[in-house]
């Protein structure tokens, strides 16, 4: 499916978009986009296959399960159509060298996220420092921060254009010395509020990385990206992410998201 076919096929399935008959504010756009990207349903589950390709077309793969739950009791919640504090548990199954590895995030709106990585070969729980959140996620072209989401307060957001399909938003870092990019531009679909394409620019103003949604499905009433690709123009590498068995409102218990369960994964939920 081409990107053009994807855009034309998205239709008008998202009822929330009816509230935006006129061009919404950039604040509404980015919050709505963040919600559709990371917060649909009270919780969620998906199987993911990641294919990493280097500049010589050599490939390697990763397979894992993602569990996610929103903190619906959080004092930070202003509107359930937007975001809250959140918990995420990523359990790796294949290949053998990453089997039983776990990445866990306690995402906080008003303070720095807590991130852990469990390395079973060493039986080691490693705390991921805030400074490491923009490093490669298990050797891929996605970053740790891409998986759990970037805090909206870390950037200044400007609506720089619109067309028939997109709101075009430019995002510049509040603290530019803490990140490797100077800005990123998002092409946000007007009906679903999904970020269909994101372009990252380096300190010299050159585009060096892109993220593109290659597949979108409506699952349990939620428009959902089921295939996406990250490309790095500097390294020549790319990473494809394919999502399957996506479920919303599973009923995931809170106690799964604890350091104890890094070593003792919830096997029934991970099947």
Protein backbone atom coordinates (compact mmCIF):
# COMPACT_ATOMS: atom_id res chain seq x y z
CA UNK A 1 0.00 0.00 0.00
CA UNK A 2 1.39 3.40 -0.95
CA UNK A 3 1.33 6.36 1.44
CA UNK A 4 -1.21 8.07 -0.85
CA UNK A 5 -3.49 5.03 -0.76
CA UNK A 6 -3.14 4.89 3.01
CA UNK A 7 -4.21 8.52 3.41
CA UNK A 8 -7.15 8.17 1.03
CA UNK A 9 -8.29 5.01 2.78
CA UNK A 10 -8.37 6.39 6.31
CA UNK A 11 -11.88 7.78 5.77
CA UNK A 12 -13.90 9.46 8.49
CA UNK A 13 -13.96 6.76 11.15
CA UNK A 14 -12.82 8.84 14.12
CA UNK A 15 -15.78 10.47 15.85
CA UNK A 16 -13.53 12.78 17.87
CA UNK A 17 -12.59 14.67 14.72
CA UNK A 18 -16.13 16.03 14.45
CA UNK A 19 -15.25 18.46 17.22
CA UNK A 20 -12.71 20.14 14.94
CA UNK A 21 -14.79 21.49 12.04
CA UNK A 22 -12.51 24.52 12.03
CA UNK A 23 -8.71 24.41 12.28
CA UNK A 24 -7.96 23.55 15.93
CA UNK A 25 -5.26 25.25 17.96
CA UNK A 26 -1.78 23.74 17.79
CA UNK A 27 -2.16 22.80 21.46
CA UNK A 28 -5.28 20.76 20.68
CA UNK A 29 -3.57 19.15 17.68
CA UNK A 30 -0.49 17.93 19.55
CA UNK A 31 -2.43 16.71 22.57
CA UNK A 32 -4.92 14.86 20.37
CA UNK A 33 -2.05 13.36 18.36
CA UNK A 34 -0.25 12.27 21.52
CA UNK A 35 -3.46 10.64 22.71
CA UNK A 36 -4.06 8.68 19.49
CA UNK A 37 -0.42 7.59 19.42
CA UNK A 38 -0.07 6.41 23.03
CA UNK A 39 -3.30 6.53 25.05
CA UNK A 40 -6.28 5.00 23.24
CA UNK A 41 -8.28 2.73 25.55
CA UNK A 42 -7.62 2.35 29.28
CA UNK A 43 -4.87 -0.14 28.47
CA UNK A 44 -3.50 -2.06 25.50
CA UNK A 45 -1.52 -5.05 24.29
CA UNK A 46 0.27 -5.87 21.03
CA UNK A 47 2.76 -8.27 19.52
CA UNK A 48 5.55 -6.57 17.61
CA UNK A 49 8.04 -7.78 15.03
CA UNK A 50 10.98 -5.47 14.43
CA UNK A 51 13.23 -5.89 11.38
CA UNK A 52 16.48 -3.94 11.45
CA UNK A 53 18.32 -3.40 8.15
CA UNK A 54 21.81 -1.90 7.90
CA UNK A 55 23.44 -0.03 5.01
CA UNK A 56 24.64 -3.34 3.51
CA UNK A 57 21.06 -4.71 3.50
CA UNK A 58 21.87 -7.17 6.29
CA UNK A 59 18.86 -7.80 8.51
CA UNK A 60 18.20 -8.95 12.05
CA UNK A 61 14.92 -9.20 13.89
CA UNK A 62 13.38 -8.72 17.32
CA UNK A 63 10.00 -10.00 18.51
CA UNK A 64 8.34 -8.71 21.66
CA UNK A 65 5.03 -8.06 23.39
CA UNK A 66 4.01 -4.61 24.64
CA UNK A 67 1.67 -4.10 27.60
CA UNK A 68 0.46 -0.60 28.40
CA UNK A 69 -1.81 0.81 31.10
CA UNK A 70 -2.90 4.38 31.80
CA UNK A 71 -3.04 5.71 35.36
CA UNK A 72 -6.70 6.69 35.47
CA UNK A 73 -6.38 7.83 39.11
CA UNK A 74 -3.62 10.30 38.30
CA UNK A 75 -4.06 13.85 39.57
CA UNK A 76 -2.59 14.98 36.24
CA UNK A 77 -5.63 13.91 34.23
CA UNK A 78 -7.53 16.93 32.94
CA UNK A 79 -9.50 15.20 30.18
CA UNK A 80 -9.60 11.47 29.37
CA UNK A 81 -9.48 12.31 25.67
CA UNK A 82 -5.90 13.42 26.33
CA UNK A 83 -3.01 11.94 28.30
CA UNK A 84 -2.23 10.76 31.83
CA UNK A 85 0.61 9.13 33.68
CA UNK A 86 1.23 5.71 32.15
CA UNK A 87 2.99 2.35 32.60
CA UNK A 88 4.57 0.22 29.89
CA UNK A 89 6.08 -3.28 29.92
CA UNK A 90 7.97 -4.66 26.89
CA UNK A 91 8.88 -8.37 26.98
CA UNK A 92 11.27 -9.80 24.37
CA UNK A 93 10.78 -13.32 22.99
CA UNK A 94 13.11 -13.66 19.98
CA UNK A 95 15.89 -14.09 19.05
CA UNK A 96 17.59 -16.17 21.73
CA UNK A 97 20.07 -13.46 22.72
CA UNK A 98 17.26 -11.14 23.86
CA UNK A 99 14.78 -13.78 25.09
CA UNK A 100 13.25 -12.76 28.48
CA UNK A 101 14.74 -9.27 28.33
CA UNK A 102 12.31 -6.64 29.67
CA UNK A 103 12.04 -2.88 29.15
CA UNK A 104 9.70 -1.10 31.58
CA UNK A 105 8.64 2.54 31.77
CA UNK A 106 6.74 4.50 34.40
CA UNK A 107 5.79 7.57 32.40
CA UNK A 108 5.12 10.79 34.33
CA UNK A 109 3.68 14.02 32.97
CA UNK A 110 5.04 16.29 35.67
CA UNK A 111 8.51 14.79 36.20
CA UNK A 112 11.14 12.62 34.52
CA UNK A 113 10.07 9.12 33.47
CA UNK A 114 11.46 6.06 35.24
CA UNK A 115 12.90 3.42 32.87
CA UNK A 116 14.38 0.00 33.59
CA UNK A 117 15.99 -2.72 31.47
CA UNK A 118 16.26 -6.29 32.71
CA UNK A 119 19.14 -8.29 31.20
CA UNK A 120 18.47 -12.00 31.91
CA UNK A 121 21.92 -13.24 30.82
CA UNK A 122 23.41 -11.20 33.68
CA UNK A 123 20.31 -11.32 35.91
CA UNK A 124 20.76 -7.54 36.06
CA UNK A 125 18.18 -4.78 36.44
CA UNK A 126 19.58 -1.62 34.88
CA UNK A 127 18.08 1.81 35.45
CA UNK A 128 18.05 3.83 32.21
CA UNK A 129 19.16 7.39 32.92
CA UNK A 130 17.16 10.32 31.57
CA UNK A 131 20.17 11.21 29.42
CA UNK A 132 19.94 7.80 27.71
CA UNK A 133 16.32 8.11 26.55
CA UNK A 134 17.46 9.29 23.12
CA UNK A 135 19.72 6.33 22.49
CA UNK A 136 18.97 3.35 20.25
CA UNK A 137 16.26 0.95 21.38
CA UNK A 138 17.85 -2.55 21.23
CA UNK A 139 20.08 -1.60 18.27
CA UNK A 140 17.24 -0.29 16.09
CA UNK A 141 16.60 3.07 14.40
CA UNK A 142 13.92 3.78 17.01
CA UNK A 143 14.95 5.38 20.29
CA UNK A 144 13.83 4.54 23.84
CA UNK A 145 11.85 7.78 23.82
CA UNK A 146 10.08 6.80 20.58
CA UNK A 147 8.69 3.68 22.23
CA UNK A 148 7.18 5.38 25.28
CA UNK A 149 6.62 8.85 23.79
CA UNK A 150 8.23 12.25 24.24
CA UNK A 151 6.87 14.64 26.86
CA UNK A 152 4.99 17.42 25.05
CA UNK A 153 6.44 20.03 27.44
CA UNK A 154 9.95 19.28 26.12
CA UNK A 155 9.21 21.07 22.82
CA UNK A 156 7.69 24.26 21.48
CA UNK A 157 5.00 23.50 18.89
CA UNK A 158 4.06 25.65 15.89
CA UNK A 159 1.43 24.99 13.22
CA UNK A 160 3.34 25.87 10.04
CA UNK A 161 0.83 24.71 7.43
CA UNK A 162 -2.16 22.64 6.43
CA UNK A 163 -3.30 20.87 3.27
CA UNK A 164 -6.23 18.64 2.35
CA UNK A 165 -4.94 15.77 4.51
CA UNK A 166 -2.54 17.12 7.12
CA UNK A 167 -1.86 19.53 9.89
CA UNK A 168 1.88 20.28 9.60
CA UNK A 169 3.48 20.98 12.98
CA UNK A 170 7.07 22.06 13.63
CA UNK A 171 8.49 21.10 17.03
CA UNK A 172 11.64 22.69 18.47
CA UNK A 173 13.31 21.53 21.71
CA UNK A 174 13.02 23.73 24.79
CA UNK A 175 16.52 22.57 25.83
CA UNK A 176 18.40 22.10 22.53
CA UNK A 177 21.64 21.02 24.24
CA UNK A 178 19.91 17.89 25.58
CA UNK A 179 18.95 16.45 22.18
CA UNK A 180 20.66 15.68 18.87
CA UNK A 181 18.05 17.39 16.66
CA UNK A 182 17.26 21.05 15.98
CA UNK A 183 13.61 20.41 15.13
CA UNK A 184 11.17 17.80 13.85
CA UNK A 185 8.18 18.27 11.58
CA UNK A 186 5.06 16.12 11.90
CA UNK A 187 2.42 15.53 9.23
CA UNK A 188 -0.70 14.78 11.27
CA UNK A 189 -3.74 13.30 9.54
CA UNK A 190 -6.73 15.60 9.96
CA UNK A 191 -9.31 12.87 10.56
CA UNK A 192 -7.47 10.36 12.75
CA UNK A 193 -4.86 12.69 14.29
CA UNK A 194 -2.26 10.01 13.69
CA UNK A 195 1.29 11.22 12.84
CA UNK A 196 1.68 9.76 9.35
CA UNK A 197 5.16 11.17 8.77
CA UNK A 198 7.81 12.76 10.99
CA UNK A 199 11.03 14.35 9.75
CA UNK A 200 14.00 15.07 12.03
CA UNK A 201 16.60 17.77 11.26
CA UNK A 202 20.12 17.97 12.68
CA UNK A 203 21.89 21.01 14.11
CA UNK A 204 22.92 22.07 10.60
CA UNK A 205 19.32 22.01 9.41
CA UNK A 206 19.71 18.84 7.32
CA UNK A 207 17.03 16.15 7.41
CA UNK A 208 18.64 12.99 8.81
CA UNK A 209 15.84 10.72 10.05
CA UNK A 210 12.22 9.98 9.14
CA UNK A 211 9.40 7.99 10.70
CA UNK A 212 6.55 6.91 8.42
CA UNK A 213 3.29 5.08 9.08
CA UNK A 214 2.95 2.38 6.42
CA UNK A 215 -0.24 0.73 7.70
CA UNK A 216 -3.29 1.90 9.65
CA UNK A 217 -6.27 -0.16 10.86
CA UNK A 218 -9.29 0.64 12.99
CA UNK A 219 -9.25 -1.73 15.98
CA UNK A 220 -12.07 -1.67 18.55
CA UNK A 221 -13.00 1.75 17.19
CA UNK A 222 -9.46 3.13 17.55
CA UNK A 223 -7.40 4.15 14.49
CA UNK A 224 -4.11 2.32 15.03
CA UNK A 225 -0.75 2.35 13.28
CA UNK A 226 0.03 -1.32 12.53
CA UNK A 227 3.20 -0.84 10.50
CA UNK A 228 5.82 1.90 10.70
CA UNK A 229 9.36 2.50 9.50
CA UNK A 230 12.27 4.57 10.75
CA UNK A 231 15.01 5.55 8.31
CA UNK A 232 18.38 7.10 9.15
CA UNK A 233 19.89 8.99 6.22
CA UNK A 234 23.28 9.30 7.93
CA UNK A 235 23.82 5.58 8.58
CA UNK A 236 21.78 4.21 5.68
CA UNK A 237 19.92 1.95 8.10
CA UNK A 238 16.20 1.43 8.62
CA UNK A 239 13.87 -0.38 11.01
CA UNK A 240 10.43 -1.78 10.24
CA UNK A 241 7.91 -2.30 13.08
CA UNK A 242 4.89 -4.55 12.45
CA UNK A 243 2.12 -4.83 15.04
CA UNK A 244 -0.27 -7.80 15.34
CA UNK A 245 -2.86 -9.10 17.83
CA UNK A 246 -3.53 -5.52 18.93
CA UNK A 247 -6.07 -5.31 21.78
CA UNK A 248 -7.51 -2.46 23.82
CA UNK A 249 -9.12 -2.48 27.29
CA UNK A 250 -7.66 -5.86 28.20
CA UNK A 251 -7.89 -5.36 31.98
CA UNK A 252 -4.15 -5.39 32.76
CA UNK A 253 -3.52 -5.33 36.55
CA UNK A 254 -1.34 -2.60 38.08
CA UNK A 255 1.01 -4.96 39.93
CA UNK A 256 2.55 -6.18 36.67
CA UNK A 257 4.49 -2.92 36.39
CA UNK A 258 6.93 -3.53 39.23
CA UNK A 259 10.64 -4.28 39.50
CA UNK A 260 9.75 -7.72 40.88
CA UNK A 261 7.98 -8.61 37.64
CA UNK A 262 11.00 -7.75 35.55
CA UNK A 263 12.34 -11.16 36.63
CA UNK A 264 8.92 -12.83 36.87
CA UNK A 265 6.95 -11.83 33.75
CA UNK A 266 3.13 -12.17 33.57
CA UNK A 267 3.18 -15.15 31.18
CA UNK A 268 -0.58 -15.40 30.60
CA UNK A 269 -0.71 -11.83 29.32
CA UNK A 270 2.38 -12.33 27.17
CA UNK A 271 1.02 -15.26 25.12
